[in-house]
Amino acid sequence: MKLLSRSEEIVLLAIWKLQGDAYGVTIRQMIFETTGQKWSIGAIYAPLHRLENKGFVSSIKSEPIAERGGRSKIYYQVTSDGRKALAEIKRINEAIWMNVPVLGVENPAH
């Protein structure tokens, strides 16, 4: 299986964590809550479209919301191939980090 880019991995994990409530805004919020990083909407949609093209996510368009000029939302969900990719990424990350000496940095975000 071809490795995903880090942005694809983060977006795919956010969709998985949202379990059925994943659309642009909620994906962005989940990424911020998880990483503390504010991503632009464009930074989310580029990897999102690549994930969809690779078959790792699928999308469904909702009915327009009930307000004047209400737009539809596009909801995303992880496919079975996407779940396999996440499992492989987790395995690889665990193997890479196994036996790494302590880095001596308590809070790398600062």
PDB file of N, CA and C in Angstrom:
ATOM      1  N   MET A   1       0.840  -1.174   0.000  1.00  0.00           N
ATOM      2  CA  MET A   1       0.000   0.000   0.000  1.00  0.00           C
ATOM      3  C   MET A   1       0.891   1.244   0.000  1.00  0.00           C
ATOM      4  N   LYS A   2       0.569   2.198  -0.866  1.00  0.00           N
ATOM      5  CA  LYS A   2       1.330   3.432  -0.947  1.00  0.00           C
ATOM      6  C   LYS A   2       1.080   4.262   0.308  1.00  0.00           C
ATOM      7  N   LEU A   3       2.147   4.847   0.848  1.00  0.00           N
ATOM      8  CA  LEU A   3       2.017   5.679   2.038  1.00  0.00           C
ATOM      9  C   LEU A   3       1.246   6.951   1.719  1.00  0.00           C
ATOM     10  N   LEU A   4       0.532   7.445   2.713  1.00  0.00           N
ATOM     11  CA  LEU A   4      -0.182   8.708   2.579  1.00  0.00           C
ATOM     12  C   LEU A   4       0.726   9.849   3.005  1.00  0.00           C
ATOM     13  N   SER A   5       0.445  11.041   2.481  1.00  0.00           N
ATOM     14  CA  SER A   5       1.154  12.218   2.975  1.00  0.00           C
ATOM     15  C   SER A   5       0.676  12.489   4.401  1.00  0.00           C
ATOM     16  N   ARG A   6       1.431  13.285   5.132  1.00  0.00           N
ATOM     17  CA  ARG A   6       1.048  13.590   6.516  1.00  0.00           C
ATOM     18  C   ARG A   6      -0.296  14.317   6.547  1.00  0.00           C
ATOM     19  N   SER A   7      -0.540  15.231   5.608  1.00  0.00           N
ATOM     20  CA  SER A   7      -1.824  15.941   5.592  1.00  0.00           C
ATOM     21  C   SER A   7      -2.970  14.983   5.276  1.00  0.00           C
ATOM     22  N   GLU A   8      -2.750  14.033   4.371  1.00  0.00           N
ATOM     23  CA  GLU A   8      -3.786  13.032   4.087  1.00  0.00           C
ATOM     24  C   GLU A   8      -4.070  12.186   5.320  1.00  0.00           C
ATOM     25  N   GLU A   9      -3.019  11.804   6.027  1.00  0.00           N
ATOM     26  CA  GLU A   9      -3.181  11.004   7.244  1.00  0.00           C
ATOM     27  C   GLU A   9      -4.000  11.760   8.288  1.00  0.00           C
ATOM     28  N   ILE A  10      -3.680  13.025   8.501  1.00  0.00           N
ATOM     29  CA  ILE A  10      -4.387  13.825   9.506  1.00  0.00           C
ATOM     30  C   ILE A  10      -5.850  14.001   9.127  1.00  0.00           C
ATOM     31  N   VAL A  11      -6.130  14.296   7.865  1.00  0.00           N
ATOM     32  CA  VAL A  11      -7.516  14.466   7.416  1.00  0.00           C
ATOM     33  C   VAL A  11      -8.275  13.149   7.536  1.00  0.00           C
ATOM     34  N   LEU A  12      -7.669  12.051   7.126  1.00  0.00           N
ATOM     35  CA  LEU A  12      -8.322  10.744   7.208  1.00  0.00           C
ATOM     36  C   LEU A  12      -8.637  10.380   8.659  1.00  0.00           C
ATOM     37  N   LEU A  13      -7.703  10.637   9.560  1.00  0.00           N
ATOM     38  CA  LEU A  13      -7.943  10.375  10.983  1.00  0.00           C
ATOM     39  C   LEU A  13      -9.057  11.255  11.535  1.00  0.00           C
ATOM     40  N   ALA A  14      -9.099  12.509  11.119  1.00  0.00           N
ATOM     41  CA  ALA A  14     -10.160  13.411  11.580  1.00  0.00           C
ATOM     42  C   ALA A  14     -11.525  12.897  11.133  1.00  0.00           C
ATOM     43  N   ILE A  15     -11.624  12.455   9.889  1.00  0.00           N
ATOM     44  CA  ILE A  15     -12.895  11.912   9.386  1.00  0.00           C
ATOM     45  C   ILE A  15     -13.284  10.680  10.188  1.00  0.00           C
ATOM     46  N   TRP A  16     -12.322   9.799  10.458  1.00  0.00           N
ATOM     47  CA  TRP A  16     -12.601   8.588  11.234  1.00  0.00           C
ATOM     48  C   TRP A  16     -13.107   8.951  12.626  1.00  0.00           C
ATOM     49  N   LYS A  17     -12.466   9.918  13.266  1.00  0.00           N
ATOM     50  CA  LYS A  17     -12.863  10.319  14.616  1.00  0.00           C
ATOM     51  C   LYS A  17     -14.254  10.949  14.636  1.00  0.00           C
ATOM     52  N   LEU A  18     -14.640  11.617  13.567  1.00  0.00           N
ATOM     53  CA  LEU A  18     -15.940  12.290  13.520  1.00  0.00           C
ATOM     54  C   LEU A  18     -17.103  11.330  13.282  1.00  0.00           C
ATOM     55  N   GLN A  19     -16.835  10.132  12.816  1.00  0.00           N
ATOM     56  CA  GLN A  19     -17.841   9.065  12.688  1.00  0.00           C
ATOM     57  C   GLN A  19     -19.201   9.538  12.162  1.00  0.00           C
ATOM     58  N   GLY A  20     -19.226   9.994  10.919  1.00  0.00           N
ATOM     59  CA  GLY A  20     -20.495  10.328  10.283  1.00  0.00           C
ATOM     60  C   GLY A  20     -20.837  11.803  10.291  1.00  0.00           C
ATOM     61  N   ASP A  21     -20.110  12.617  11.036  1.00  0.00           N
ATOM     62  CA  ASP A  21     -20.373  14.057  11.078  1.00  0.00           C
ATOM     63  C   ASP A  21     -19.207  14.829  10.468  1.00  0.00           C
ATOM     64  N   ALA A  22     -18.581  14.254   9.464  1.00  0.00           N
ATOM     65  CA  ALA A  22     -17.381  14.854   8.876  1.00  0.00           C
ATOM     66  C   ALA A  22     -17.721  15.628   7.608  1.00  0.00           C
ATOM     67  N   TYR A  23     -17.632  16.938   7.703  1.00  0.00           N
ATOM     68  CA  TYR A  23     -17.694  17.807   6.533  1.00  0.00           C
ATOM     69  C   TYR A  23     -16.637  18.878   6.748  1.00  0.00           C
ATOM     70  N   GLY A  24     -16.411  19.740   5.779  1.00  0.00           N
ATOM     71  CA  GLY A  24     -15.283  20.666   5.823  1.00  0.00           C
ATOM     72  C   GLY A  24     -15.037  21.339   7.159  1.00  0.00           C
ATOM     73  N   VAL A  25     -16.073  21.970   7.717  1.00  0.00           N
ATOM     74  CA  VAL A  25     -15.913  22.726   8.961  1.00  0.00           C
ATOM     75  C   VAL A  25     -15.591  21.811  10.140  1.00  0.00           C
ATOM     76  N   THR A  26     -16.281  20.682  10.262  1.00  0.00           N
ATOM     77  CA  THR A  26     -16.028  19.797  11.406  1.00  0.00           C
ATOM     78  C   THR A  26     -14.666  19.120  11.294  1.00  0.00           C
ATOM     79  N   ILE A  27     -14.236  18.833  10.072  1.00  0.00           N
ATOM     80  CA  ILE A  27     -12.897  18.260   9.877  1.00  0.00           C
ATOM     81  C   ILE A  27     -11.853  19.276  10.337  1.00  0.00           C
ATOM     82  N   ARG A  28     -12.038  20.524   9.942  1.00  0.00           N
ATOM     83  CA  ARG A  28     -11.111  21.593  10.346  1.00  0.00           C
ATOM     84  C   ARG A  28     -11.086  21.741  11.864  1.00  0.00           C
ATOM     85  N   GLN A  29     -12.252  21.714  12.498  1.00  0.00           N
ATOM     86  CA  GLN A  29     -12.323  21.825  13.958  1.00  0.00           C
ATOM     87  C   GLN A  29     -11.624  20.649  14.638  1.00  0.00           C
ATOM     88  N   MET A  30     -11.834  19.444  14.132  1.00  0.00           N
ATOM     89  CA  MET A  30     -11.205  18.259  14.717  1.00  0.00           C
ATOM     90  C   MET A  30      -9.683  18.347  14.603  1.00  0.00           C
ATOM     91  N   ILE A  31      -9.195  18.812  13.463  1.00  0.00           N
ATOM     92  CA  ILE A  31      -7.750  18.958  13.287  1.00  0.00           C
ATOM     93  C   ILE A  31      -7.205  19.967  14.294  1.00  0.00           C
ATOM     94  N   PHE A  32      -7.913  21.075  14.493  1.00  0.00           N
ATOM     95  CA  PHE A  32      -7.465  22.071  15.464  1.00  0.00           C
ATOM     96  C   PHE A  32      -7.474  21.499  16.880  1.00  0.00           C
ATOM     97  N   GLU A  33      -8.557  20.803  17.244  1.00  0.00           N
ATOM     98  CA  GLU A  33      -8.656  20.218  18.587  1.00  0.00           C
ATOM     99  C   GLU A  33      -7.555  19.184  18.831  1.00  0.00           C
ATOM    100  N   THR A  34      -7.204  18.451  17.800  1.00  0.00           N
ATOM    101  CA  THR A  34      -6.221  17.377  17.931  1.00  0.00           C
ATOM    102  C   THR A  34      -4.781  17.885  17.890  1.00  0.00           C
ATOM    103  N   THR A  35      -4.507  18.840  16.994  1.00  0.00           N
ATOM    104  CA  THR A  35      -3.123  19.268  16.769  1.00  0.00           C
ATOM    105  C   THR A  35      -2.805  20.663  17.293  1.00  0.00           C
ATOM    106  N   GLY A  36      -3.840  21.470  17.520  1.00  0.00           N
ATOM    107  CA  GLY A  36      -3.618  22.861  17.903  1.00  0.00           C
ATOM    108  C   GLY A  36      -3.257  23.742  16.719  1.00  0.00           C
ATOM    109  N   GLN A  37      -3.321  23.186  15.509  1.00  0.00           N
ATOM    110  CA  GLN A  37      -2.980  23.933  14.295  1.00  0.00           C
ATOM    111  C   GLN A  37      -4.259  24.350  13.575  1.00  0.00           C
ATOM    112  N   LYS A  38      -4.278  25.608  13.113  1.00  0.00           N
ATOM    113  CA  LYS A  38      -5.419  26.101  12.331  1.00  0.00           C
ATOM    114  C   LYS A  38      -5.105  25.913  10.853  1.00  0.00           C
ATOM    115  N   TRP A  39      -5.865  25.038  10.224  1.00  0.00           N
ATOM    116  CA  TRP A  39      -5.704  24.792   8.794  1.00  0.00           C
ATOM    117  C   TRP A  39      -6.730  25.620   8.040  1.00  0.00           C
ATOM    118  N   SER A  40      -6.345  26.139   6.884  1.00  0.00           N
ATOM    119  CA  SER A  40      -7.312  26.812   6.022  1.00  0.00           C
ATOM    120  C   SER A  40      -8.216  25.746   5.404  1.00  0.00           C
ATOM    121  N   ILE A  41      -9.375  26.182   4.957  1.00  0.00           N
ATOM    122  CA  ILE A  41     -10.290  25.235   4.303  1.00  0.00           C
ATOM    123  C   ILE A  41      -9.610  24.614   3.079  1.00  0.00           C
ATOM    124  N   GLY A  42      -8.859  25.416   2.329  1.00  0.00           N
ATOM    125  CA  GLY A  42      -8.144  24.893   1.162  1.00  0.00           C
ATOM    126  C   GLY A  42      -7.141  23.814   1.523  1.00  0.00           C
ATOM    127  N   ALA A  43      -6.508  23.966   2.684  1.00  0.00           N
ATOM    128  CA  ALA A  43      -5.531  22.971   3.137  1.00  0.00           C
ATOM    129  C   ALA A  43      -6.207  21.661   3.502  1.00  0.00           C
ATOM    130  N   ILE A  44      -7.507  21.705   3.736  1.00  0.00           N
ATOM    131  CA  ILE A  44      -8.258  20.485   4.045  1.00  0.00           C
ATOM    132  C   ILE A  44      -8.767  19.824   2.769  1.00  0.00           C
ATOM    133  N   TYR A  45      -9.282  20.635   1.843  1.00  0.00           N
ATOM    134  CA  TYR A  45      -9.911  20.053   0.662  1.00  0.00           C
ATOM    135  C   TYR A  45      -8.927  19.422  -0.316  1.00  0.00           C
ATOM    136  N   ALA A  46      -7.704  19.920  -0.409  1.00  0.00           N
ATOM    137  CA  ALA A  46      -6.735  19.297  -1.331  1.00  0.00           C
ATOM    138  C   ALA A  46      -6.460  17.844  -0.939  1.00  0.00           C
ATOM    139  N   PRO A  47      -6.051  17.557   0.318  1.00  0.00           N
ATOM    140  CA  PRO A  47      -5.844  16.148   0.680  1.00  0.00           C
ATOM    141  C   PRO A  47      -7.148  15.355   0.703  1.00  0.00           C
ATOM    142  N   LEU A  48      -8.246  16.018   1.021  1.00  0.00           N
ATOM    143  CA  LEU A  48      -9.542  15.342   1.040  1.00  0.00           C
ATOM    144  C   LEU A  48      -9.900  14.817  -0.348  1.00  0.00           C
ATOM    145  N   HIS A  49      -9.696  15.630  -1.360  1.00  0.00           N
ATOM    146  CA  HIS A  49      -9.987  15.189  -2.729  1.00  0.00           C
ATOM    147  C   HIS A  49      -9.039  14.073  -3.169  1.00  0.00           C
ATOM    148  N   ARG A  50      -7.774  14.152  -2.743  1.00  0.00           N
ATOM    149  CA  ARG A  50      -6.844  13.062  -3.073  1.00  0.00           C
ATOM    150  C   ARG A  50      -7.290  11.760  -2.407  1.00  0.00           C
ATOM    151  N   LEU A  51      -7.728  11.855  -1.149  1.00  0.00           N
ATOM    152  CA  LEU A  51      -8.205  10.660  -0.438  1.00  0.00           C
ATOM    153  C   LEU A  51      -9.424  10.065  -1.130  1.00  0.00           C
ATOM    154  N   GLU A  52     -10.305  10.918  -1.605  1.00  0.00           N
ATOM    155  CA  GLU A  52     -11.491  10.425  -2.308  1.00  0.00           C
ATOM    156  C   GLU A  52     -11.085   9.768  -3.630  1.00  0.00           C
ATOM    157  N   ASN A  53     -10.154  10.380  -4.350  1.00  0.00           N
ATOM    158  CA  ASN A  53      -9.681   9.797  -5.615  1.00  0.00           C
ATOM    159  C   ASN A  53      -8.991   8.456  -5.405  1.00  0.00           C
ATOM    160  N   LYS A  54      -8.332   8.278  -4.259  1.00  0.00           N
ATOM    161  CA  LYS A  54      -7.661   7.015  -3.936  1.00  0.00           C
ATOM    162  C   LYS A  54      -8.635   5.966  -3.409  1.00  0.00           C
ATOM    163  N   GLY A  55      -9.881   6.360  -3.149  1.00  0.00           N
ATOM    164  CA  GLY A  55     -10.875   5.413  -2.646  1.00  0.00           C
ATOM    165  C   GLY A  55     -10.843   5.224  -1.140  1.00  0.00           C
ATOM    166  N   PHE A  56     -10.161   6.111  -0.410  1.00  0.00           N
ATOM    167  CA  PHE A  56     -10.069   5.983   1.043  1.00  0.00           C
ATOM    168  C   PHE A  56     -11.219   6.677   1.767  1.00  0.00           C
ATOM    169  N   VAL A  57     -11.892   7.606   1.096  1.00  0.00           N
ATOM    170  CA  VAL A  57     -13.095   8.227   1.651  1.00  0.00           C
ATOM    171  C   VAL A  57     -14.151   8.289   0.561  1.00  0.00           C
ATOM    172  N   SER A  58     -15.400   8.311   0.998  1.00  0.00           N
ATOM    173  CA  SER A  58     -16.516   8.521   0.081  1.00  0.00           C
ATOM    174  C   SER A  58     -17.295   9.725   0.585  1.00  0.00           C
ATOM    175  N   SER A  59     -18.108  10.306  -0.286  1.00  0.00           N
ATOM    176  CA  SER A  59     -18.853  11.500   0.098  1.00  0.00           C
ATOM    177  C   SER A  59     -20.327  11.359  -0.250  1.00  0.00           C
ATOM    178  N   ILE A  60     -21.136  12.074   0.520  1.00  0.00           N
ATOM    179  CA  ILE A  60     -22.584  12.121   0.309  1.00  0.00           C
ATOM    180  C   ILE A  60     -23.015  13.566   0.475  1.00  0.00           C
ATOM    181  N   LYS A  61     -23.812  14.060  -0.445  1.00  0.00           N
ATOM    182  CA  LYS A  61     -24.316  15.433  -0.374  1.00  0.00           C
ATOM    183  C   LYS A  61     -25.624  15.435   0.402  1.00  0.00           C
ATOM    184  N   SER A  62     -25.723  16.331   1.389  1.00  0.00           N
ATOM    185  CA  SER A  62     -26.939  16.421   2.202  1.00  0.00           C
ATOM    186  C   SER A  62     -27.990  17.256   1.477  1.00  0.00           C
ATOM    187  N   GLU A  63     -29.187  17.237   2.020  1.00  0.00           N
ATOM    188  CA  GLU A  63     -30.222  18.159   1.559  1.00  0.00           C
ATOM    189  C   GLU A  63     -29.800  19.569   1.975  1.00  0.00           C
ATOM    190  N   PRO A  64     -30.237  20.598   1.242  1.00  0.00           N
ATOM    191  CA  PRO A  64     -29.911  21.964   1.668  1.00  0.00           C
ATOM    192  C   PRO A  64     -30.453  22.230   3.073  1.00  0.00           C
ATOM    193  N   ILE A  65     -29.693  23.000   3.864  1.00  0.00           N
ATOM    194  CA  ILE A  65     -30.156  23.316   5.210  1.00  0.00           C
ATOM    195  C   ILE A  65     -31.356  24.251   5.122  1.00  0.00           C
ATOM    196  N   ALA A  66     -32.227  24.196   6.123  1.00  0.00           N
ATOM    197  CA  ALA A  66     -33.509  24.907   6.085  1.00  0.00           C
ATOM    198  C   ALA A  66     -33.355  26.368   6.504  1.00  0.00           C
ATOM    199  N   GLU A  67     -32.693  27.143   5.712  1.00  0.00           N
ATOM    200  CA  GLU A  67     -32.624  28.585   5.926  1.00  0.00           C
ATOM    201  C   GLU A  67     -32.448  29.227   4.568  1.00  0.00           C
ATOM    202  N   ARG A  68     -32.778  30.482   4.478  1.00  0.00           N
ATOM    203  CA  ARG A  68     -32.718  31.174   3.194  1.00  0.00           C
ATOM    204  C   ARG A  68     -31.315  31.033   2.595  1.00  0.00           C
ATOM    205  N   GLY A  69     -31.279  30.576   1.372  1.00  0.00           N
ATOM    206  CA  GLY A  69     -29.995  30.383   0.704  1.00  0.00           C
ATOM    207  C   GLY A  69     -29.200  29.208   1.255  1.00  0.00           C
ATOM    208  N   GLY A  70     -29.890  28.332   2.006  1.00  0.00           N
ATOM    209  CA  GLY A  70     -29.213  27.195   2.633  1.00  0.00           C
ATOM    210  C   GLY A  70     -28.525  26.311   1.607  1.00  0.00           C
ATOM    211  N   ARG A  71     -27.320  25.922   1.929  1.00  0.00           N
ATOM    212  CA  ARG A  71     -26.543  25.083   1.026  1.00  0.00           C
ATOM    213  C   ARG A  71     -26.499  23.657   1.543  1.00  0.00           C
ATOM    214  N   SER A  72     -26.198  22.776   0.652  1.00  0.00           N
ATOM    215  CA  SER A  72     -25.979  21.382   1.027  1.00  0.00           C
ATOM    216  C   SER A  72     -24.593  21.254   1.642  1.00  0.00           C
ATOM    217  N   LYS A  73     -24.438  20.261   2.486  1.00  0.00           N
ATOM    218  CA  LYS A  73     -23.123  19.920   3.018  1.00  0.00           C
ATOM    219  C   LYS A  73     -22.682  18.627   2.355  1.00  0.00           C
ATOM    220  N   ILE A  74     -21.400  18.481   2.192  1.00  0.00           N
ATOM    221  CA  ILE A  74     -20.863  17.219   1.690  1.00  0.00           C
ATOM    222  C   ILE A  74     -20.219  16.512   2.873  1.00  0.00           C
ATOM    223  N   TYR A  75     -20.800  15.378   3.235  1.00  0.00           N
ATOM    224  CA  TYR A  75     -20.299  14.578   4.352  1.00  0.00           C
ATOM    225  C   TYR A  75     -19.353  13.512   3.818  1.00  0.00           C
ATOM    226  N   TYR A  76     -18.304  13.245   4.583  1.00  0.00           N
ATOM    227  CA  TYR A  76     -17.295  12.266   4.190  1.00  0.00           C
ATOM    228  C   TYR A  76     -17.253  11.135   5.201  1.00  0.00           C
ATOM    229  N   GLN A  77     -16.984   9.941   4.693  1.00  0.00           N
ATOM    230  CA  GLN A  77     -16.784   8.795   5.583  1.00  0.00           C
ATOM    231  C   GLN A  77     -15.621   7.958   5.066  1.00  0.00           C
ATOM    232  N   VAL A  78     -14.966   7.291   5.990  1.00  0.00           N
ATOM    233  CA  VAL A  78     -13.816   6.455   5.651  1.00  0.00           C
ATOM    234  C   VAL A  78     -14.329   5.135   5.079  1.00  0.00           C
ATOM    235  N   THR A  79     -13.777   4.713   3.954  1.00  0.00           N
ATOM    236  CA  THR A  79     -14.152   3.447   3.322  1.00  0.00           C
ATOM    237  C   THR A  79     -13.365   2.299   3.961  1.00  0.00           C
ATOM    238  N   SER A  80     -13.666   1.077   3.548  1.00  0.00           N
ATOM    239  CA  SER A  80     -12.909  -0.068   4.079  1.00  0.00           C
ATOM    240  C   SER A  80     -11.435   0.034   3.677  1.00  0.00           C
ATOM    241  N   ASP A  81     -11.142   0.502   2.464  1.00  0.00           N
ATOM    242  CA  ASP A  81      -9.741   0.709   2.072  1.00  0.00           C
ATOM    243  C   ASP A  81      -9.096   1.797   2.926  1.00  0.00           C
ATOM    244  N   GLY A  82      -9.869   2.810   3.284  1.00  0.00           N
ATOM    245  CA  GLY A  82      -9.362   3.859   4.158  1.00  0.00           C
ATOM    246  C   GLY A  82      -9.045   3.339   5.545  1.00  0.00           C
ATOM    247  N   ARG A  83      -9.901   2.447   6.059  1.00  0.00           N
ATOM    248  CA  ARG A  83      -9.636   1.836   7.374  1.00  0.00           C
ATOM    249  C   ARG A  83      -8.367   0.988   7.321  1.00  0.00           C
ATOM    250  N   LYS A  84      -8.177   0.277   6.225  1.00  0.00           N
ATOM    251  CA  LYS A  84      -6.948  -0.516   6.069  1.00  0.00           C
ATOM    252  C   LYS A  84      -5.722   0.395   6.028  1.00  0.00           C
ATOM    253  N   ALA A  85      -5.848   1.525   5.333  1.00  0.00           N
ATOM    254  CA  ALA A  85      -4.736   2.479   5.261  1.00  0.00           C
ATOM    255  C   ALA A  85      -4.419   3.036   6.642  1.00  0.00           C
ATOM    256  N   LEU A  86      -5.452   3.359   7.429  1.00  0.00           N
ATOM    257  CA  LEU A  86      -5.226   3.863   8.787  1.00  0.00           C
ATOM    258  C   LEU A  86      -4.531   2.820   9.656  1.00  0.00           C
ATOM    259  N   ALA A  87      -4.959   1.575   9.544  1.00  0.00           N
ATOM    260  CA  ALA A  87      -4.331   0.505  10.329  1.00  0.00           C
ATOM    261  C   ALA A  87      -2.861   0.354   9.949  1.00  0.00           C
ATOM    262  N   GLU A  88      -2.561   0.450   8.667  1.00  0.00           N
ATOM    263  CA  GLU A  88      -1.175   0.333   8.205  1.00  0.00           C
ATOM    264  C   GLU A  88      -0.340   1.521   8.677  1.00  0.00           C
ATOM    265  N   ILE A  89      -0.906   2.717   8.620  1.00  0.00           N
ATOM    266  CA  ILE A  89      -0.201   3.910   9.099  1.00  0.00           C
ATOM    267  C   ILE A  89       0.098   3.777  10.585  1.00  0.00           C
ATOM    268  N   LYS A  90      -0.880   3.312  11.352  1.00  0.00           N
ATOM    269  CA  LYS A  90      -0.683   3.139  12.793  1.00  0.00           C
ATOM    270  C   LYS A  90       0.441   2.132  13.051  1.00  0.00           C
ATOM    271  N   ARG A  91       0.424   1.026  12.324  1.00  0.00           N
ATOM    272  CA  ARG A  91       1.458   0.003  12.495  1.00  0.00           C
ATOM    273  C   ARG A  91       2.832   0.573  12.180  1.00  0.00           C
ATOM    274  N   ILE A  92       2.941   1.298  11.083  1.00  0.00           N
ATOM    275  CA  ILE A  92       4.224   1.877  10.676  1.00  0.00           C
ATOM    276  C   ILE A  92       4.706   2.895  11.707  1.00  0.00           C
ATOM    277  N   ASN A  93       3.802   3.776  12.153  1.00  0.00           N
ATOM    278  CA  ASN A  93       4.198   4.788  13.143  1.00  0.00           C
ATOM    279  C   ASN A  93       4.663   4.148  14.444  1.00  0.00           C
ATOM    280  N   GLU A  94       3.959   3.130  14.896  1.00  0.00           N
ATOM    281  CA  GLU A  94       4.367   2.443  16.126  1.00  0.00           C
ATOM    282  C   GLU A  94       5.736   1.787  15.951  1.00  0.00           C
ATOM    283  N   ALA A  95       5.977   1.190  14.786  1.00  0.00           N
ATOM    284  CA  ALA A  95       7.269   0.548  14.529  1.00  0.00           C
ATOM    285  C   ALA A  95       8.393   1.582  14.463  1.00  0.00           C
ATOM    286  N   ILE A  96       8.124   2.706  13.828  1.00  0.00           N
ATOM    287  CA  ILE A  96       9.141   3.752  13.710  1.00  0.00           C
ATOM    288  C   ILE A  96       9.513   4.308  15.079  1.00  0.00           C
ATOM    289  N   TRP A  97       8.517   4.524  15.938  1.00  0.00           N
ATOM    290  CA  TRP A  97       8.758   5.138  17.243  1.00  0.00           C
ATOM    291  C   TRP A  97       9.213   4.142  18.306  1.00  0.00           C
ATOM    292  N   MET A  98       9.145   2.849  18.007  1.00  0.00           N
ATOM    293  CA  MET A  98       9.567   1.851  18.989  1.00  0.00           C
ATOM    294  C   MET A  98      11.047   2.045  19.326  1.00  0.00           C
ATOM    295  N   ASN A  99      11.351   2.025  20.594  1.00  0.00           N
ATOM    296  CA  ASN A  99      12.724   2.119  21.104  1.00  0.00           C
ATOM    297  C   ASN A  99      13.426   3.439  20.797  1.00  0.00           C
ATOM    298  N   VAL A 100      12.661   4.486  20.499  1.00  0.00           N
ATOM    299  CA  VAL A 100      13.270   5.803  20.317  1.00  0.00           C
ATOM    300  C   VAL A 100      13.589   6.356  21.701  1.00  0.00           C
ATOM    301  N   PRO A 101      14.818   6.803  21.914  1.00  0.00           N
ATOM    302  CA  PRO A 101      15.161   7.368  23.221  1.00  0.00           C
ATOM    303  C   PRO A 101      14.291   8.590  23.529  1.00  0.00           C
ATOM    304  N   VAL A 102      14.122   8.862  24.811  1.00  0.00           N
ATOM    305  CA  VAL A 102      13.335  10.015  25.240  1.00  0.00           C
ATOM    306  C   VAL A 102      13.919  11.270  24.609  1.00  0.00           C
ATOM    307  N   LEU A 103      13.042  12.109  24.067  1.00  0.00           N
ATOM    308  CA  LEU A 103      13.502  13.298  23.361  1.00  0.00           C
ATOM    309  C   LEU A 103      13.822  14.456  24.297  1.00  0.00           C
ATOM    310  N   GLY A 104      13.308  14.408  25.525  1.00  0.00           N
ATOM    311  CA  GLY A 104      13.600  15.466  26.483  1.00  0.00           C
ATOM    312  C   GLY A 104      12.835  16.748  26.241  1.00  0.00           C
ATOM    313  N   VAL A 105      11.732  16.654  25.520  1.00  0.00           N
ATOM    314  CA  VAL A 105      10.882  17.814  25.259  1.00  0.00           C
ATOM    315  C   VAL A 105       9.497  17.476  25.784  1.00  0.00           C
ATOM    316  N   GLU A 106       9.083  18.184  26.840  1.00  0.00           N
ATOM    317  CA  GLU A 106       7.790  17.860  27.440  1.00  0.00           C
ATOM    318  C   GLU A 106       6.620  18.370  26.622  1.00  0.00           C
ATOM    319  N   ASN A 107       6.726  19.576  26.063  1.00  0.00           N
ATOM    320  CA  ASN A 107       5.627  20.161  25.310  1.00  0.00           C
ATOM    321  C   ASN A 107       6.173  20.728  24.007  1.00  0.00           C
ATOM    322  N   PRO A 108       6.229  19.910  22.956  1.00  0.00           N
ATOM    323  CA  PRO A 108       6.850  20.340  21.705  1.00  0.00           C
ATOM    324  C   PRO A 108       6.109  21.469  21.005  1.00  0.00           C
ATOM    325  N   ALA A 109       4.866  21.770  21.409  1.00  0.00           N
ATOM    326  CA  ALA A 109       4.102  22.827  20.752  1.00  0.00           C
ATOM    327  C   ALA A 109       4.613  24.212  21.142  1.00  0.00           C
ATOM    328  N   HIS A 110       5.448  24.298  22.171  1.00  0.00           N
ATOM    329  CA  HIS A 110       5.926  25.614  22.631  1.00  0.00           C
ATOM    330  C   HIS A 110       7.383  25.797  22.330  1.00  0.00           C
TER     331      HIS A 110
END
